[in-house]
Structures are given as structure tokens and as C-alpha cells.
């Protein structure tokens, strides 16, 4: 599938980005949004962003994004599982 939309020329300029960098950021940020909403897996988000999985994780790290977000219930379950280990 091909997606396109018009962006005013002054938007990348205002961000001090080339058109290529702007496009790469749009893809990354879109993938990140869908990943945060649990709509895409890490692998599918990486694919949407145009990265392999490890490169996507590295970019998330550079952006200060959590790779895995666990709520309190998830953490309780993890700790309960760990406590049952021999």
C-alpha cells in the first residue's frame, strides 16, 4: 500500500529537517503511536517504521521511550511468577 499526503514545505523547514528525515520521523512516530496503543506488536511497528526490530528498539531508546510498558497488575503477575521459580 502507498500512502501520501501533502505537507506544507515550511513544516520540515521549521523543524530544521530534510524532507527525507521528516518522512522517516513521520513513519517512526506513527509506528510508535500504534505500538503505544497496543495496536501493533513491536515487530509490526518496526516494519511500519521501516526498521528491523533491533534498530526500532534502538531508536526508541534514543527517544527515551519505554520498550515494554507494564502496569501494576502486570508487574504483580511477573513477580508472582518469579517467586514460584525454584
N, C-alpha and C. Protein backbone atom coordinates (compact mmCIF):
# COMPACT_ATOMS: atom_id res chain seq x y z
N UNK A 1 0.84 -1.16 0.00
CA UNK A 1 0.00 0.00 0.00
C UNK A 1 0.89 1.24 0.00
N UNK A 2 0.46 2.23 -0.70
CA UNK A 2 1.17 3.50 -0.75
C UNK A 2 0.28 4.56 -0.11
N UNK A 3 0.81 5.32 0.82
CA UNK A 3 0.08 6.40 1.48
C UNK A 3 0.80 7.70 1.18
N UNK A 4 0.06 8.71 0.81
CA UNK A 4 0.68 10.02 0.60
C UNK A 4 -0.27 11.11 1.04
N UNK A 5 0.29 12.20 1.47
CA UNK A 5 -0.48 13.39 1.82
C UNK A 5 0.44 14.59 1.69
N UNK A 6 -0.15 15.73 1.53
CA UNK A 6 0.62 16.95 1.33
C UNK A 6 1.00 17.58 2.66
N UNK A 7 2.21 18.06 2.71
CA UNK A 7 2.73 18.78 3.87
C UNK A 7 3.28 20.10 3.34
N UNK A 8 2.96 21.17 3.99
CA UNK A 8 3.49 22.47 3.58
C UNK A 8 5.02 22.43 3.65
N UNK A 9 5.66 23.00 2.67
CA UNK A 9 7.13 23.00 2.60
C UNK A 9 7.79 23.60 3.83
N UNK A 10 7.09 24.52 4.49
CA UNK A 10 7.72 25.18 5.64
C UNK A 10 7.70 24.33 6.92
N UNK A 11 6.96 23.22 6.91
CA UNK A 11 6.93 22.37 8.12
C UNK A 11 8.28 21.71 8.35
N UNK A 12 8.83 20.94 7.40
CA UNK A 12 10.18 20.38 7.63
C UNK A 12 11.22 21.48 7.85
N UNK A 13 11.07 22.59 7.15
CA UNK A 13 12.00 23.71 7.32
C UNK A 13 11.94 24.22 8.76
N UNK A 14 10.73 24.39 9.30
CA UNK A 14 10.57 24.87 10.68
C UNK A 14 11.19 23.89 11.68
N UNK A 15 11.16 22.61 11.32
CA UNK A 15 11.75 21.59 12.19
C UNK A 15 13.24 21.40 11.95
N UNK A 16 13.75 22.13 10.95
CA UNK A 16 15.17 22.03 10.56
C UNK A 16 15.52 20.61 10.15
N UNK A 17 14.62 20.01 9.35
CA UNK A 17 14.82 18.65 8.86
C UNK A 17 14.72 18.62 7.35
N UNK A 18 15.44 17.71 6.77
CA UNK A 18 15.29 17.47 5.33
C UNK A 18 13.97 16.74 5.11
N UNK A 19 13.50 16.73 3.88
CA UNK A 19 12.27 16.01 3.55
C UNK A 19 12.42 14.53 3.88
N UNK A 20 13.60 13.98 3.63
CA UNK A 20 13.85 12.56 3.92
C UNK A 20 13.78 12.28 5.41
N UNK A 21 14.43 13.12 6.21
CA UNK A 21 14.39 12.93 7.67
C UNK A 21 12.99 13.12 8.21
N UNK A 22 12.26 14.10 7.67
CA UNK A 22 10.89 14.34 8.10
C UNK A 22 10.01 13.12 7.82
N UNK A 23 10.16 12.55 6.63
CA UNK A 23 9.39 11.36 6.26
C UNK A 23 9.73 10.19 7.18
N UNK A 24 11.02 10.00 7.46
CA UNK A 24 11.45 8.92 8.35
C UNK A 24 10.86 9.12 9.74
N UNK A 25 10.84 10.37 10.23
CA UNK A 25 10.28 10.65 11.55
C UNK A 25 8.77 10.41 11.58
N UNK A 26 8.07 10.80 10.52
CA UNK A 26 6.62 10.57 10.45
C UNK A 26 6.33 9.07 10.54
N UNK A 27 7.09 8.27 9.80
CA UNK A 27 6.90 6.81 9.84
C UNK A 27 7.18 6.27 11.24
N UNK A 28 8.28 6.72 11.85
CA UNK A 28 8.63 6.24 13.19
C UNK A 28 7.56 6.64 14.20
N UNK A 29 7.17 7.91 14.19
CA UNK A 29 6.20 8.38 15.17
C UNK A 29 4.84 7.72 15.00
N UNK A 30 4.45 7.45 13.77
CA UNK A 30 3.19 6.73 13.53
C UNK A 30 3.27 5.31 14.10
N UNK A 31 4.37 4.64 13.82
CA UNK A 31 4.56 3.28 14.32
C UNK A 31 4.59 3.28 15.85
N UNK A 32 5.28 4.26 16.43
CA UNK A 32 5.37 4.36 17.88
C UNK A 32 3.99 4.56 18.50
N UNK A 33 3.17 5.40 17.89
CA UNK A 33 1.82 5.65 18.41
C UNK A 33 1.01 4.35 18.42
N UNK A 34 1.04 3.61 17.33
CA UNK A 34 0.27 2.36 17.26
C UNK A 34 0.84 1.32 18.23
N UNK A 35 2.15 1.33 18.44
CA UNK A 35 2.77 0.41 19.41
C UNK A 35 2.33 0.78 20.82
N UNK A 36 2.37 2.07 21.16
CA UNK A 36 1.95 2.52 22.50
C UNK A 36 0.51 2.13 22.79
N UNK A 37 -0.34 2.16 21.78
CA UNK A 37 -1.76 1.82 21.95
C UNK A 37 -2.00 0.32 21.91
N UNK A 38 -0.93 -0.46 21.83
CA UNK A 38 -1.02 -1.91 21.74
C UNK A 38 -1.81 -2.37 20.52
N UNK A 39 -1.77 -1.59 19.46
CA UNK A 39 -2.43 -1.96 18.21
C UNK A 39 -1.47 -2.71 17.30
N UNK A 40 -0.17 -2.46 17.45
CA UNK A 40 0.85 -3.17 16.69
C UNK A 40 1.86 -3.80 17.64
N UNK A 41 2.33 -4.97 17.28
CA UNK A 41 3.41 -5.60 18.03
C UNK A 41 4.69 -4.83 17.78
N UNK A 42 5.70 -5.11 18.55
CA UNK A 42 7.00 -4.47 18.36
C UNK A 42 7.52 -4.73 16.95
N UNK A 43 7.39 -5.96 16.48
CA UNK A 43 7.88 -6.32 15.15
C UNK A 43 7.12 -5.60 14.04
N UNK A 44 5.80 -5.52 14.16
CA UNK A 44 4.99 -4.84 13.14
C UNK A 44 5.21 -3.34 13.18
N UNK A 45 5.40 -2.78 14.37
CA UNK A 45 5.70 -1.35 14.47
C UNK A 45 7.04 -1.05 13.81
N UNK A 46 8.02 -1.91 14.04
CA UNK A 46 9.33 -1.75 13.41
C UNK A 46 9.19 -1.80 11.89
N UNK A 47 8.39 -2.73 11.42
CA UNK A 47 8.16 -2.87 9.97
C UNK A 47 7.52 -1.60 9.40
N UNK A 48 6.50 -1.08 10.07
CA UNK A 48 5.85 0.15 9.62
C UNK A 48 6.84 1.31 9.59
N UNK A 49 7.71 1.37 10.58
CA UNK A 49 8.68 2.47 10.67
C UNK A 49 9.81 2.32 9.65
N UNK A 50 9.92 1.14 9.05
CA UNK A 50 11.00 0.92 8.09
C UNK A 50 12.30 0.49 8.72
N UNK A 51 12.21 -0.06 9.92
CA UNK A 51 13.38 -0.53 10.66
C UNK A 51 13.29 -2.03 10.87
N UNK A 52 14.43 -2.67 11.15
CA UNK A 52 14.34 -4.02 11.69
C UNK A 52 14.05 -3.86 13.18
N UNK A 53 13.71 -4.95 13.83
CA UNK A 53 13.27 -4.87 15.23
C UNK A 53 14.33 -4.25 16.15
N UNK A 54 15.58 -4.67 15.99
CA UNK A 54 16.62 -4.13 16.86
C UNK A 54 16.87 -2.65 16.62
N UNK A 55 16.82 -2.22 15.37
CA UNK A 55 17.01 -0.80 15.06
C UNK A 55 15.84 0.03 15.62
N UNK A 56 14.63 -0.53 15.57
CA UNK A 56 13.47 0.17 16.13
C UNK A 56 13.62 0.32 17.64
N UNK A 57 14.07 -0.74 18.30
CA UNK A 57 14.31 -0.67 19.75
C UNK A 57 15.38 0.37 20.06
N UNK A 58 16.43 0.40 19.27
CA UNK A 58 17.50 1.38 19.48
C UNK A 58 16.97 2.80 19.30
N UNK A 59 16.14 3.02 18.28
CA UNK A 59 15.56 4.35 18.07
C UNK A 59 14.66 4.72 19.24
N UNK A 60 13.88 3.76 19.74
CA UNK A 60 13.04 4.03 20.91
C UNK A 60 13.90 4.43 22.09
N UNK A 61 15.01 3.74 22.26
CA UNK A 61 15.93 4.05 23.35
C UNK A 61 16.47 5.46 23.21
N UNK A 62 16.87 5.84 21.99
CA UNK A 62 17.38 7.19 21.75
C UNK A 62 16.33 8.26 22.02
N UNK A 63 15.07 7.92 21.80
CA UNK A 63 13.96 8.86 22.01
C UNK A 63 13.48 8.85 23.46
N UNK A 64 14.06 7.98 24.30
CA UNK A 64 13.66 7.90 25.70
C UNK A 64 12.33 7.19 25.91
N UNK A 65 11.96 6.32 24.96
CA UNK A 65 10.70 5.59 25.03
C UNK A 65 10.89 4.25 25.73
N UNK A 66 9.90 3.88 26.52
CA UNK A 66 9.92 2.56 27.15
C UNK A 66 9.63 1.51 26.09
N UNK A 67 10.41 0.46 26.11
CA UNK A 67 10.19 -0.61 25.14
C UNK A 67 9.01 -1.46 25.56
N UNK A 68 8.93 -1.74 26.84
CA UNK A 68 7.81 -2.51 27.38
C UNK A 68 7.19 -1.68 28.50
N UNK A 69 5.89 -1.53 28.45
CA UNK A 69 5.18 -0.77 29.48
C UNK A 69 4.28 -1.73 30.25
N UNK A 70 4.61 -1.92 31.51
CA UNK A 70 3.82 -2.81 32.36
C UNK A 70 3.08 -1.98 33.39
N UNK A 71 1.81 -2.29 33.60
CA UNK A 71 1.07 -1.63 34.66
C UNK A 71 1.28 -2.42 35.95
N UNK A 72 0.70 -1.94 37.03
CA UNK A 72 0.90 -2.57 38.35
C UNK A 72 0.44 -4.02 38.36
N UNK A 73 -0.68 -4.32 37.73
CA UNK A 73 -1.18 -5.70 37.69
C UNK A 73 -0.21 -6.62 36.94
N UNK A 74 0.31 -6.12 35.83
CA UNK A 74 1.29 -6.91 35.07
C UNK A 74 2.52 -7.20 35.91
N UNK A 75 2.99 -6.20 36.63
CA UNK A 75 4.20 -6.38 37.45
C UNK A 75 3.94 -7.35 38.60
N UNK A 76 2.77 -7.29 39.20
CA UNK A 76 2.44 -8.24 40.27
C UNK A 76 2.47 -9.66 39.73
N UNK A 77 1.95 -9.85 38.54
CA UNK A 77 1.95 -11.17 37.92
C UNK A 77 3.38 -11.65 37.65
N UNK A 78 4.21 -10.76 37.15
CA UNK A 78 5.62 -11.11 36.88
C UNK A 78 6.31 -11.50 38.17
N UNK A 79 6.15 -10.69 39.23
CA UNK A 79 6.80 -11.00 40.49
C UNK A 79 6.26 -12.29 41.12
N UNK A 80 4.98 -12.55 40.95
CA UNK A 80 4.40 -13.79 41.46
C UNK A 80 5.01 -14.99 40.72
N UNK A 81 5.17 -14.85 39.41
CA UNK A 81 5.79 -15.93 38.63
C UNK A 81 7.23 -16.16 39.05
N UNK A 82 7.95 -15.07 39.28
CA UNK A 82 9.35 -15.18 39.71
C UNK A 82 9.44 -15.85 41.08
N UNK A 83 8.53 -15.52 41.97
CA UNK A 83 8.53 -16.09 43.32
C UNK A 83 8.29 -17.60 43.29
N UNK A 84 7.62 -18.10 42.26
CA UNK A 84 7.36 -19.54 42.15
C UNK A 84 8.51 -20.31 41.52
N UNK A 85 9.52 -19.59 41.03
CA UNK A 85 10.67 -20.28 40.43
C UNK A 85 11.46 -21.02 41.50
N UNK A 86 12.04 -22.17 41.14
CA UNK A 86 12.83 -22.94 42.13
C UNK A 86 14.11 -22.22 42.48
